Protein backbone atom coordinates (compact mmCIF):
# COMPACT_ATOMS: atom_id res chain seq x y z
CA MET A 1 -55.27 35.91 -51.04
CA ARG A 2 -54.29 32.85 -49.03
CA PRO A 3 -57.15 31.05 -47.27
CA VAL A 4 -57.41 31.27 -43.48
CA ALA A 5 -57.03 27.51 -43.21
CA SER A 6 -56.90 24.32 -45.19
CA ILE A 7 -58.26 21.03 -43.94
CA GLY A 8 -55.63 18.82 -42.36
CA VAL A 9 -55.75 15.35 -40.84
CA ASP A 10 -59.19 14.27 -39.54
CA GLY A 11 -60.69 17.62 -40.48
CA ARG A 12 -58.45 19.62 -38.14
CA PRO A 13 -57.37 22.99 -39.53
CA ARG A 14 -53.97 23.97 -40.89
CA TRP A 15 -54.10 27.73 -40.42
CA SER A 16 -52.15 29.85 -42.90
CA ALA A 17 -49.49 32.28 -41.67
CA THR A 18 -51.65 35.26 -42.62
CA PRO A 19 -53.17 37.80 -40.24
CA ALA A 20 -56.51 35.98 -40.42
CA GLY A 21 -54.89 32.56 -39.97
CA ILE A 22 -52.81 33.72 -37.01
CA ALA A 23 -55.91 35.30 -35.46
CA ALA A 24 -57.81 32.01 -35.81
CA ALA A 25 -54.96 30.04 -34.24
CA ALA A 26 -54.72 32.56 -31.39
CA GLN A 27 -58.46 32.29 -30.76
CA ALA A 28 -58.11 28.50 -30.49
CA LEU A 29 -55.34 28.98 -27.92
CA ARG A 30 -57.38 31.43 -25.87
CA GLN A 31 -60.21 28.90 -25.84
CA GLY A 32 -57.88 26.30 -24.33
CA ALA A 33 -56.74 24.31 -27.37
CA VAL A 34 -53.30 22.74 -27.80
CA ILE A 35 -51.93 23.59 -31.26
CA ALA A 36 -48.72 23.20 -33.26
CA PHE A 37 -46.84 26.28 -34.42
CA PRO A 38 -43.54 27.21 -36.13
CA THR A 39 -40.63 28.65 -34.15
CA ASP A 40 -37.09 29.75 -34.96
CA THR A 41 -35.81 26.36 -33.82
CA VAL A 42 -38.01 23.24 -33.99
CA TYR A 43 -41.75 23.00 -34.64
CA GLY A 44 -43.55 23.41 -31.33
CA LEU A 45 -46.74 22.80 -29.38
CA ALA A 46 -48.43 25.61 -27.50
CA VAL A 47 -51.22 26.03 -24.96
CA ALA A 48 -52.15 29.41 -23.50
CA ALA A 49 -50.52 29.91 -20.11
CA GLY A 50 -53.72 31.30 -18.63
CA THR A 51 -55.76 28.16 -19.28
CA ALA A 52 -56.14 25.19 -16.94
CA ASP A 53 -53.07 23.03 -16.26
CA PRO A 54 -51.13 23.99 -19.42
CA ALA A 55 -47.91 22.11 -18.61
CA ALA A 56 -49.77 18.95 -17.61
CA ARG A 57 -51.81 19.06 -20.81
CA LEU A 58 -48.69 19.35 -22.95
CA ALA A 59 -47.17 16.40 -21.10
CA ALA A 60 -50.30 14.34 -21.74
CA VAL A 61 -50.26 15.12 -25.47
CA LYS A 62 -46.58 14.19 -25.75
CA GLY A 63 -46.83 11.17 -23.46
CA ARG A 64 -43.94 12.37 -21.33
CA PRO A 65 -43.37 12.52 -17.56
CA LEU A 66 -44.91 15.42 -15.68
CA ASP A 67 -41.55 16.30 -14.11
CA GLN A 68 -40.27 17.63 -17.46
CA PRO A 69 -41.33 21.30 -17.43
CA ALA A 70 -42.67 23.29 -20.35
CA ILE A 71 -41.00 26.44 -21.68
CA LEU A 72 -42.96 29.67 -21.48
CA MET A 73 -42.78 31.68 -24.71
CA ALA A 74 -43.97 35.25 -25.10
CA ALA A 75 -43.97 37.96 -27.75
CA GLY A 76 -41.62 40.15 -25.73
CA PRO A 77 -40.03 40.50 -22.28
CA ALA A 78 -42.82 42.78 -21.01
CA ALA A 79 -45.30 39.91 -21.44
CA LEU A 80 -43.31 37.86 -18.90
CA ARG A 81 -44.18 40.25 -16.06
CA GLY A 82 -45.50 38.24 -13.14
CA TYR A 83 -44.27 34.93 -14.55
CA VAL A 84 -40.59 35.38 -13.60
CA ARG A 85 -38.35 37.29 -11.24
CA TRP A 86 -35.40 38.66 -13.16
CA THR A 87 -31.78 38.21 -12.12
CA ALA A 88 -29.09 40.64 -13.24
CA ALA A 89 -27.41 37.96 -15.39
CA GLY A 90 -30.75 36.97 -16.90
CA ARG A 91 -31.54 40.54 -17.93
CA ALA A 92 -28.13 40.96 -19.56
CA LEU A 93 -28.42 37.69 -21.50
CA ALA A 94 -31.96 38.51 -22.62
CA ARG A 95 -30.84 41.89 -23.96
CA ARG A 96 -28.00 40.26 -25.85
CA HIS A 97 -29.70 37.17 -27.30
CA TRP A 98 -33.47 37.78 -27.49
CA PRO A 99 -35.40 37.34 -29.61
CA GLY A 100 -33.61 34.11 -30.39
CA PRO A 101 -32.90 30.48 -29.54
CA LEU A 102 -32.00 30.91 -25.87
CA THR A 103 -34.13 29.63 -22.99
CA LEU A 104 -33.40 31.28 -19.65
CA ILE A 105 -34.33 29.51 -16.43
CA LEU A 106 -35.36 32.19 -13.95
CA PRO A 107 -36.97 32.24 -10.51
CA ALA A 108 -40.73 31.81 -10.91
CA GLY A 109 -43.07 34.69 -10.18
CA PRO A 110 -46.63 34.30 -8.87
CA LEU A 111 -48.04 33.59 -12.35
CA GLY A 112 -45.36 30.99 -13.09
CA ALA A 113 -46.56 28.43 -10.55
CA GLY A 114 -47.29 25.12 -12.23
CA LEU A 115 -45.61 26.04 -15.52
CA GLY A 116 -42.04 25.09 -14.67
CA ARG A 117 -40.40 23.40 -11.73
CA VAL A 118 -41.36 24.24 -8.16
CA ASP A 119 -39.52 27.55 -7.93
CA SER A 120 -38.20 28.26 -11.45
CA ILE A 121 -39.42 28.50 -15.02
CA GLY A 122 -37.78 28.41 -18.46
CA VAL A 123 -38.69 31.37 -20.69
CA ARG A 124 -37.92 32.38 -24.27
CA ILE A 125 -38.76 35.08 -26.81
CA PRO A 126 -38.55 33.40 -30.25
CA ALA A 127 -37.08 35.15 -33.27
CA ALA A 128 -39.60 33.75 -35.78
CA PRO A 129 -42.01 36.56 -36.74
CA VAL A 130 -44.99 34.21 -37.12
CA ALA A 131 -44.42 32.79 -33.63
CA ARG A 132 -44.21 36.28 -32.11
CA ARG A 133 -47.38 37.42 -33.89
CA LEU A 134 -49.21 34.37 -32.56
CA LEU A 135 -47.96 35.01 -29.02
CA ALA A 136 -48.84 38.70 -29.24
CA ALA A 137 -52.41 37.75 -30.13
CA ALA A 138 -52.82 34.81 -27.73
CA GLY A 139 -50.63 35.88 -24.80
CA PRO A 140 -47.77 33.88 -23.24
CA CYS A 141 -47.95 30.15 -23.93
CA ALA A 142 -46.53 27.03 -22.37
CA THR A 143 -44.63 25.30 -25.15
CA THR A 144 -42.64 22.21 -26.03
CA SER A 145 -41.42 20.52 -29.19
CA ALA A 146 -44.07 19.00 -31.47
CA ASN A 147 -43.47 15.27 -31.09
CA ARG A 148 -44.24 12.21 -29.05
CA HIS A 149 -41.84 11.80 -26.15
CA GLY A 150 -38.56 10.40 -27.51
CA ALA A 151 -39.42 11.00 -31.19
CA PRO A 152 -37.91 13.74 -33.39
CA PRO A 153 -39.86 17.01 -33.70
CA ALA A 154 -42.33 17.35 -36.55
CA ALA A 155 -40.96 19.14 -39.60
CA ASP A 156 -44.20 21.03 -40.31
CA GLY A 157 -47.78 21.42 -39.24
CA ALA A 158 -49.04 18.52 -41.34
CA ALA A 159 -46.56 16.14 -39.72
CA ALA A 160 -47.55 17.40 -36.27
CA LEU A 161 -51.22 16.65 -36.98
CA VAL A 162 -50.35 13.11 -38.04
CA ALA A 163 -48.10 12.44 -35.04
CA LEU A 164 -50.34 14.09 -32.44
CA PRO A 165 -54.05 13.40 -32.96
CA GLU A 166 -54.90 15.18 -29.69
CA ILE A 167 -53.97 18.66 -30.95
CA ALA A 168 -56.68 20.94 -32.32
CA GLY A 169 -54.82 22.26 -35.36
CA ALA A 170 -51.54 23.62 -36.70
CA LEU A 171 -50.32 27.04 -37.78
CA GLU A 172 -48.71 26.09 -41.07
CA ASP A 173 -45.48 27.97 -41.65
CA ARG A 174 -42.24 26.04 -41.68
CA PRO A 175 -39.45 26.84 -39.20
CA ARG A 176 -36.86 28.91 -41.03
CA PRO A 177 -33.69 28.77 -38.95
CA GLY A 178 -30.48 30.30 -40.19
CA PRO A 179 -27.02 30.52 -38.65
CA GLY A 180 -27.25 30.05 -34.91
CA GLY A 181 -30.92 29.20 -35.19
CA VAL A 182 -32.01 32.74 -36.10
CA ALA A 183 -34.80 32.88 -38.65
CA GLY A 184 -33.50 32.42 -42.18
CA ARG A 185 -34.66 30.49 -45.22
CA SER A 186 -33.91 26.84 -44.46
CA ARG A 187 -36.87 24.46 -44.66
CA SER A 188 -35.29 22.00 -42.22
CA PRO A 189 -35.79 22.10 -38.44
CA SER A 190 -32.85 23.56 -36.55
CA ARG A 191 -31.29 22.59 -33.26
CA PRO A 192 -33.39 23.30 -30.16
CA SER A 193 -32.75 26.33 -28.01
CA SER A 194 -29.81 26.45 -25.65
CA ILE A 195 -30.87 26.39 -21.99
CA LEU A 196 -29.11 28.54 -19.41
CA ASP A 197 -29.89 28.33 -15.69
CA CYS A 198 -29.89 31.89 -14.36
CA THR A 199 -31.06 30.89 -10.89
CA ARG A 200 -27.41 30.08 -10.18
CA ASP A 201 -24.52 32.51 -9.90
CA PRO A 202 -22.76 32.38 -12.27
CA PRO A 203 -25.36 30.99 -14.72
CA VAL A 204 -24.88 27.36 -15.79
CA LEU A 205 -25.39 26.06 -19.33
CA ILE A 206 -27.81 23.14 -19.05
CA ARG A 207 -28.20 22.32 -22.75
CA VAL A 208 -26.05 23.34 -25.70
CA GLY A 209 -28.41 23.96 -28.60
CA ALA A 210 -28.46 26.62 -31.30
CA LEU A 211 -26.10 28.81 -29.24
CA SER A 212 -22.78 27.45 -28.01
CA ALA A 213 -21.11 28.14 -24.67
CA HIS A 214 -18.61 30.31 -26.54
CA GLU A 215 -21.38 32.38 -28.17
CA LEU A 216 -22.94 32.85 -24.74
CA GLY A 217 -19.61 33.84 -23.19
CA LEU A 218 -19.78 30.83 -20.86
CA GLU A 219 -18.23 27.46 -20.26
CA THR A 220 -20.12 24.32 -19.30
CA GLU A 221 -19.92 23.26 -15.69
């Protein structure tokens, strides 16, 4: 049986990707901690969306400007209720590409205030099973890549602990992206998610990441 956690940098835990380890990481999130976790794209940072000033706290850990919004991740679309207002194009794209490496920018709902920009929020359902189990246990989380602003994302939880002494711990399971960023067996970080602005009609591709404009059935503006 794998242990719940090993001791990482400065005594901070590296939780194993076991039910007990995921439960411990989720408890830390619910208590307000910022932690590192594996996704289907790059290694990420998470803070529970229901805690105080989640986006601002992520920005402080990364040392980045406050005007760069966090991405809200959840275990499934139903968990986004109240955080976003769906557009017809957004629903169609979510059905086609989630779970997976696509971030949709949607109009913010009442729970989304302060997580994204003034009137919109980026949301994603990751394909990585460990990430979804964590989010199912902790609830929706404000997330960003696990790195200092301008540096490459950490390759694993140990690297995140070294680079970011402010975080409380790391869920230690490497990102395993495959073709198009969908979970596979690679031990190397993948490209970040593609970002599609669904507050505009037609939607506009803001960032080409793991999914191309062609795969999304779109062209860049």
